[in-house]
Amino acid sequence: MNKTITTNTRVRLILEGSENARNESGVCVCVFWSQEINELGYNINDITASTMLDLIMQKKLTSGETIRRTKRKIQEEIVDLRGSNYKHRIEVLEPHIREKYRKTAREKHEEEIQRRMLNL
């Protein structure tokens, strides 16, 4: 019987158990790696930076980017695993950013006319 846990399952378990991991990808990656390091037989409290870098270079640890992408995908699919920052970002920050950078159709049309006039 294969006892290895999939990246998706491990990330989901981490998100279910930690609000910090739901809000911060870096926390999720650190918890994920600490679990993998323990499974490889190292004591997370005793491992040196050099050994950890070797594990990363030898691809014995899951890529941080893979962990982050998996986290985003899970949070996209399971609303309850989104962090508390999500609501603030969606309700407050994104509309403000969209409004700040949105151009009206008229402004875009005027810019296009000016661009064409300069290229004549």
N, C-alpha and C. Protein backbone atom coordinates (compact mmCIF):
# COMPACT_ATOMS: atom_id res chain seq x y z
N MET A 1 0.84 -1.19 0.00
CA MET A 1 0.00 0.00 0.00
C MET A 1 0.89 1.25 0.00
N ASN A 2 0.59 2.18 -0.89
CA ASN A 2 1.36 3.41 -1.01
C ASN A 2 0.91 4.40 0.06
N LYS A 3 1.84 4.80 0.92
CA LYS A 3 1.50 5.71 2.01
C LYS A 3 1.82 7.16 1.69
N THR A 4 2.30 7.43 0.47
CA THR A 4 2.62 8.82 0.13
C THR A 4 1.32 9.60 -0.04
N ILE A 5 1.38 10.83 0.36
CA ILE A 5 0.22 11.72 0.29
C ILE A 5 0.40 12.65 -0.90
N THR A 6 -0.66 12.91 -1.62
CA THR A 6 -0.56 13.78 -2.80
C THR A 6 -0.39 15.24 -2.36
N THR A 7 0.16 16.03 -3.25
CA THR A 7 0.34 17.45 -2.98
C THR A 7 -1.00 18.10 -2.69
N ASN A 8 -2.01 17.76 -3.48
CA ASN A 8 -3.34 18.34 -3.31
C ASN A 8 -3.90 18.03 -1.93
N THR A 9 -3.79 16.78 -1.52
CA THR A 9 -4.32 16.38 -0.22
C THR A 9 -3.56 17.06 0.91
N ARG A 10 -2.24 17.10 0.81
CA ARG A 10 -1.42 17.71 1.86
C ARG A 10 -1.75 19.20 1.99
N VAL A 11 -1.84 19.91 0.87
CA VAL A 11 -2.14 21.35 0.92
C VAL A 11 -3.53 21.56 1.51
N ARG A 12 -4.47 20.74 1.12
CA ARG A 12 -5.83 20.89 1.65
C ARG A 12 -5.84 20.70 3.17
N LEU A 13 -5.13 19.69 3.66
CA LEU A 13 -5.07 19.47 5.10
C LEU A 13 -4.42 20.65 5.82
N ILE A 14 -3.38 21.20 5.22
CA ILE A 14 -2.72 22.37 5.81
C ILE A 14 -3.69 23.55 5.87
N LEU A 15 -4.42 23.79 4.79
CA LEU A 15 -5.38 24.89 4.75
C LEU A 15 -6.50 24.69 5.76
N GLU A 16 -6.95 23.46 5.91
CA GLU A 16 -8.01 23.17 6.87
C GLU A 16 -7.56 23.43 8.30
N GLY A 17 -6.27 23.26 8.56
CA GLY A 17 -5.77 23.38 9.92
C GLY A 17 -5.14 24.71 10.29
N SER A 18 -4.99 25.62 9.32
CA SER A 18 -4.26 26.85 9.64
C SER A 18 -4.82 28.06 8.90
N GLU A 19 -5.33 29.00 9.66
CA GLU A 19 -5.80 30.27 9.09
C GLU A 19 -4.63 31.04 8.48
N ASN A 20 -3.47 30.98 9.14
CA ASN A 20 -2.29 31.67 8.60
C ASN A 20 -1.91 31.12 7.23
N ALA A 21 -1.99 29.80 7.06
CA ALA A 21 -1.66 29.19 5.77
C ALA A 21 -2.68 29.58 4.71
N ARG A 22 -3.94 29.79 5.12
CA ARG A 22 -4.97 30.23 4.16
C ARG A 22 -4.68 31.64 3.67
N ASN A 23 -4.13 32.47 4.54
CA ASN A 23 -3.86 33.87 4.19
C ASN A 23 -2.51 34.08 3.53
N GLU A 24 -1.52 33.26 3.88
CA GLU A 24 -0.15 33.47 3.42
C GLU A 24 0.41 32.22 2.75
N SER A 25 0.73 32.34 1.47
CA SER A 25 1.30 31.20 0.74
C SER A 25 2.63 30.76 1.33
N GLY A 26 3.42 31.70 1.80
CA GLY A 26 4.72 31.35 2.39
C GLY A 26 4.58 30.44 3.60
N VAL A 27 3.56 30.69 4.41
CA VAL A 27 3.31 29.83 5.58
C VAL A 27 2.94 28.43 5.11
N CYS A 28 2.09 28.37 4.10
CA CYS A 28 1.68 27.07 3.56
C CYS A 28 2.89 26.29 3.04
N VAL A 29 3.77 26.95 2.32
CA VAL A 29 4.97 26.30 1.79
C VAL A 29 5.86 25.81 2.93
N CYS A 30 6.05 26.63 3.95
CA CYS A 30 6.91 26.24 5.08
C CYS A 30 6.36 25.02 5.81
N VAL A 31 5.07 25.01 6.06
CA VAL A 31 4.45 23.85 6.74
C VAL A 31 4.59 22.61 5.87
N PHE A 32 4.31 22.77 4.58
CA PHE A 32 4.42 21.65 3.63
C PHE A 32 5.83 21.08 3.65
N TRP A 33 6.83 21.96 3.52
CA TRP A 33 8.22 21.51 3.50
C TRP A 33 8.63 20.87 4.82
N SER A 34 8.17 21.42 5.94
CA SER A 34 8.54 20.84 7.23
C SER A 34 8.00 19.42 7.34
N GLN A 35 6.81 19.16 6.81
CA GLN A 35 6.26 17.81 6.82
C GLN A 35 7.07 16.89 5.92
N GLU A 36 7.44 17.38 4.74
CA GLU A 36 8.24 16.56 3.83
C GLU A 36 9.62 16.25 4.43
N ILE A 37 10.22 17.24 5.05
CA ILE A 37 11.54 17.05 5.66
C ILE A 37 11.48 15.99 6.76
N ASN A 38 10.44 16.04 7.58
CA ASN A 38 10.27 15.01 8.61
C ASN A 38 10.11 13.63 7.98
N GLU A 39 9.34 13.55 6.89
CA GLU A 39 9.13 12.26 6.21
C GLU A 39 10.43 11.72 5.60
N LEU A 40 11.34 12.62 5.25
CA LEU A 40 12.63 12.19 4.70
C LEU A 40 13.60 11.74 5.80
N GLY A 41 13.17 11.85 7.06
CA GLY A 41 13.99 11.36 8.16
C GLY A 41 14.83 12.42 8.84
N TYR A 42 14.64 13.67 8.49
CA TYR A 42 15.39 14.75 9.13
C TYR A 42 14.55 15.35 10.25
N ASN A 43 15.22 15.86 11.26
CA ASN A 43 14.55 16.60 12.32
C ASN A 43 14.52 18.06 11.87
N ILE A 44 13.34 18.61 11.77
CA ILE A 44 13.19 19.98 11.25
C ILE A 44 13.94 20.99 12.12
N ASN A 45 14.12 20.69 13.41
CA ASN A 45 14.82 21.60 14.31
C ASN A 45 16.34 21.51 14.16
N ASP A 46 16.83 20.43 13.56
CA ASP A 46 18.27 20.23 13.46
C ASP A 46 18.82 20.39 12.04
N ILE A 47 17.97 20.51 11.05
CA ILE A 47 18.43 20.55 9.66
C ILE A 47 19.16 21.87 9.39
N THR A 48 20.24 21.79 8.66
CA THR A 48 21.00 23.01 8.32
C THR A 48 20.44 23.61 7.03
N ALA A 49 20.74 24.87 6.84
CA ALA A 49 20.31 25.55 5.61
C ALA A 49 20.93 24.86 4.40
N SER A 50 22.17 24.45 4.54
CA SER A 50 22.87 23.77 3.44
C SER A 50 22.16 22.48 3.06
N THR A 51 21.76 21.71 4.04
CA THR A 51 21.05 20.45 3.78
C THR A 51 19.70 20.73 3.12
N MET A 52 19.03 21.73 3.61
CA MET A 52 17.72 22.07 3.03
C MET A 52 17.88 22.52 1.58
N LEU A 53 18.87 23.34 1.30
CA LEU A 53 19.11 23.77 -0.07
C LEU A 53 19.45 22.58 -0.97
N ASP A 54 20.23 21.64 -0.43
CA ASP A 54 20.53 20.42 -1.19
C ASP A 54 19.26 19.64 -1.52
N LEU A 55 18.35 19.53 -0.56
CA LEU A 55 17.08 18.82 -0.78
C LEU A 55 16.26 19.50 -1.87
N ILE A 56 16.27 20.83 -1.86
CA ILE A 56 15.54 21.58 -2.88
C ILE A 56 16.18 21.37 -4.25
N MET A 57 17.50 21.47 -4.32
CA MET A 57 18.20 21.31 -5.60
C MET A 57 18.07 19.88 -6.14
N GLN A 58 18.02 18.91 -5.26
CA GLN A 58 17.86 17.52 -5.68
C GLN A 58 16.40 17.17 -5.96
N LYS A 59 15.52 18.16 -5.82
CA LYS A 59 14.09 18.01 -6.06
C LYS A 59 13.45 16.94 -5.17
N LYS A 60 13.97 16.87 -3.95
CA LYS A 60 13.38 15.97 -2.96
C LYS A 60 12.25 16.65 -2.20
N LEU A 61 12.20 17.98 -2.33
CA LEU A 61 11.10 18.75 -1.76
C LEU A 61 10.25 19.28 -2.91
N THR A 62 8.96 19.31 -2.70
CA THR A 62 8.03 19.81 -3.71
C THR A 62 8.32 21.28 -3.98
N SER A 63 8.25 21.67 -5.22
CA SER A 63 8.49 23.05 -5.61
C SER A 63 7.53 23.99 -4.88
N GLY A 64 8.07 25.10 -4.39
CA GLY A 64 7.24 26.11 -3.74
C GLY A 64 6.15 26.62 -4.67
N GLU A 65 6.47 26.75 -5.95
CA GLU A 65 5.49 27.23 -6.92
C GLU A 65 4.35 26.22 -7.08
N THR A 66 4.67 24.94 -7.07
CA THR A 66 3.63 23.91 -7.15
C THR A 66 2.71 23.99 -5.94
N ILE A 67 3.28 24.19 -4.78
CA ILE A 67 2.48 24.29 -3.55
C ILE A 67 1.58 25.52 -3.63
N ARG A 68 2.12 26.65 -4.06
CA ARG A 68 1.31 27.89 -4.17
C ARG A 68 0.19 27.74 -5.19
N ARG A 69 0.48 27.14 -6.32
CA ARG A 69 -0.55 26.96 -7.35
C ARG A 69 -1.64 26.02 -6.86
N THR A 70 -1.24 24.97 -6.17
CA THR A 70 -2.22 24.03 -5.63
C THR A 70 -3.09 24.73 -4.60
N LYS A 71 -2.49 25.55 -3.76
CA LYS A 71 -3.24 26.32 -2.76
C LYS A 71 -4.28 27.22 -3.43
N ARG A 72 -3.87 27.93 -4.47
CA ARG A 72 -4.81 28.82 -5.17
C ARG A 72 -5.96 28.05 -5.80
N LYS A 73 -5.64 26.91 -6.40
CA LYS A 73 -6.67 26.10 -7.05
C LYS A 73 -7.68 25.58 -6.03
N ILE A 74 -7.18 25.09 -4.90
CA ILE A 74 -8.08 24.59 -3.85
C ILE A 74 -8.96 25.72 -3.34
N GLN A 75 -8.38 26.88 -3.09
CA GLN A 75 -9.15 28.01 -2.58
C GLN A 75 -10.16 28.53 -3.60
N GLU A 76 -9.86 28.36 -4.88
CA GLU A 76 -10.81 28.74 -5.92
C GLU A 76 -12.03 27.82 -5.87
N GLU A 77 -11.79 26.54 -5.61
CA GLU A 77 -12.86 25.54 -5.63
C GLU A 77 -13.61 25.44 -4.31
N ILE A 78 -12.94 25.67 -3.18
CA ILE A 78 -13.55 25.49 -1.86
C ILE A 78 -13.54 26.82 -1.13
N VAL A 79 -14.68 27.47 -1.11
CA VAL A 79 -14.81 28.82 -0.55
C VAL A 79 -14.40 28.85 0.93
N ASP A 80 -14.72 27.81 1.68
CA ASP A 80 -14.42 27.79 3.12
C ASP A 80 -12.93 27.78 3.41
N LEU A 81 -12.10 27.44 2.43
CA LEU A 81 -10.65 27.40 2.66
C LEU A 81 -9.94 28.67 2.21
N ARG A 82 -10.72 29.67 1.84
CA ARG A 82 -10.13 30.97 1.52
C ARG A 82 -9.82 31.69 2.83
N GLY A 83 -8.77 32.45 2.85
CA GLY A 83 -8.39 33.15 4.07
C GLY A 83 -9.29 34.34 4.35
N SER A 84 -9.12 34.92 5.52
CA SER A 84 -9.92 36.08 5.91
C SER A 84 -9.56 37.30 5.07
N ASN A 85 -8.38 37.32 4.47
CA ASN A 85 -7.99 38.44 3.61
C ASN A 85 -8.75 38.45 2.30
N TYR A 86 -9.31 37.32 1.89
CA TYR A 86 -9.98 37.21 0.59
C TYR A 86 -11.16 38.17 0.49
N LYS A 87 -12.01 38.17 1.50
CA LYS A 87 -13.20 39.03 1.46
C LYS A 87 -12.80 40.51 1.36
N HIS A 88 -11.80 40.90 2.14
CA HIS A 88 -11.33 42.29 2.10
C HIS A 88 -10.80 42.63 0.71
N ARG A 89 -10.02 41.72 0.13
CA ARG A 89 -9.43 41.97 -1.19
C ARG A 89 -10.52 42.10 -2.26
N ILE A 90 -11.50 41.22 -2.22
CA ILE A 90 -12.56 41.23 -3.24
C ILE A 90 -13.49 42.43 -3.07
N GLU A 91 -13.89 42.71 -1.83
CA GLU A 91 -14.89 43.76 -1.60
C GLU A 91 -14.31 45.17 -1.56
N VAL A 92 -13.07 45.31 -1.13
CA VAL A 92 -12.51 46.65 -0.93
C VAL A 92 -11.42 46.97 -1.95
N LEU A 93 -10.42 46.14 -2.05
CA LEU A 93 -9.26 46.48 -2.87
C LEU A 93 -9.52 46.38 -4.36
N GLU A 94 -10.08 45.27 -4.83
CA GLU A 94 -10.24 45.09 -6.28
C GLU A 94 -11.15 46.14 -6.92
N PRO A 95 -12.31 46.47 -6.33
CA PRO A 95 -13.12 47.54 -6.95
C PRO A 95 -12.37 48.87 -7.01
N HIS A 96 -11.60 49.17 -5.97
CA HIS A 96 -10.83 50.42 -5.95
C HIS A 96 -9.79 50.43 -7.08
N ILE A 97 -9.09 49.31 -7.22
CA ILE A 97 -8.07 49.21 -8.27
C ILE A 97 -8.72 49.26 -9.64
N ARG A 98 -9.81 48.53 -9.81
CA ARG A 98 -10.51 48.53 -11.10
C ARG A 98 -10.96 49.93 -11.47
N GLU A 99 -11.52 50.66 -10.51
CA GLU A 99 -12.01 52.01 -10.77
C GLU A 99 -10.85 52.95 -11.09
N LYS A 100 -9.75 52.78 -10.40
CA LYS A 100 -8.61 53.66 -10.60
C LYS A 100 -8.02 53.50 -12.00
N TYR A 101 -7.97 52.27 -12.50
CA TYR A 101 -7.29 52.01 -13.76
C TYR A 101 -8.24 51.82 -14.95
N ARG A 102 -9.52 51.81 -14.69
CA ARG A 102 -10.47 51.62 -15.77
C ARG A 102 -10.57 52.89 -16.61
N LYS A 103 -10.55 52.71 -17.90
CA LYS A 103 -10.74 53.84 -18.81
C LYS A 103 -12.09 53.67 -19.49
N THR A 104 -12.74 54.77 -19.69
CA THR A 104 -14.01 54.71 -20.39
C THR A 104 -13.76 54.42 -21.86
N ALA A 105 -14.79 53.95 -22.53
CA ALA A 105 -14.68 53.68 -23.96
C ALA A 105 -14.30 54.95 -24.71
N ARG A 106 -14.83 56.08 -24.26
CA ARG A 106 -14.52 57.35 -24.92
C ARG A 106 -13.03 57.69 -24.78
N GLU A 107 -12.46 57.50 -23.58
CA GLU A 107 -11.04 57.77 -23.37
C GLU A 107 -10.17 56.87 -24.25
N LYS A 108 -10.53 55.61 -24.33
CA LYS A 108 -9.78 54.67 -25.17
C LYS A 108 -9.87 55.09 -26.63
N HIS A 109 -11.06 55.51 -27.07
CA HIS A 109 -11.27 55.95 -28.45
C HIS A 109 -10.42 57.19 -28.75
N GLU A 110 -10.41 58.13 -27.83
CA GLU A 110 -9.62 59.35 -28.02
C GLU A 110 -8.12 59.04 -28.09
N GLU A 111 -7.66 58.13 -27.25
CA GLU A 111 -6.25 57.73 -27.29
C GLU A 111 -5.90 57.08 -28.62
N GLU A 112 -6.80 56.26 -29.12
CA GLU A 112 -6.56 55.59 -30.41
C GLU A 112 -6.50 56.61 -31.55
N ILE A 113 -7.36 57.60 -31.53
CA ILE A 113 -7.35 58.66 -32.55
C ILE A 113 -6.02 59.42 -32.49
N GLN A 114 -5.58 59.79 -31.28
CA GLN A 114 -4.31 60.51 -31.14
C GLN A 114 -3.14 59.66 -31.62
N ARG A 115 -3.15 58.39 -31.29
CA ARG A 115 -2.08 57.49 -31.71
C ARG A 115 -2.02 57.41 -33.23
N ARG A 116 -3.18 57.28 -33.85
CA ARG A 116 -3.21 57.21 -35.32
C ARG A 116 -2.76 58.50 -35.97
N MET A 117 -3.12 59.63 -35.36
CA MET A 117 -2.72 60.92 -35.93
C MET A 117 -1.21 61.08 -35.87
N LEU A 118 -0.59 60.60 -34.80
CA LEU A 118 0.87 60.71 -34.67
C LEU A 118 1.61 59.79 -35.64
N ASN A 119 0.97 58.72 -36.02
CA ASN A 119 1.60 57.76 -36.94
C ASN A 119 1.44 58.14 -38.41
N LEU A 120 0.70 59.19 -38.70
CA LEU A 120 0.50 59.60 -40.10
C LEU A 120 1.71 60.15 -40.70
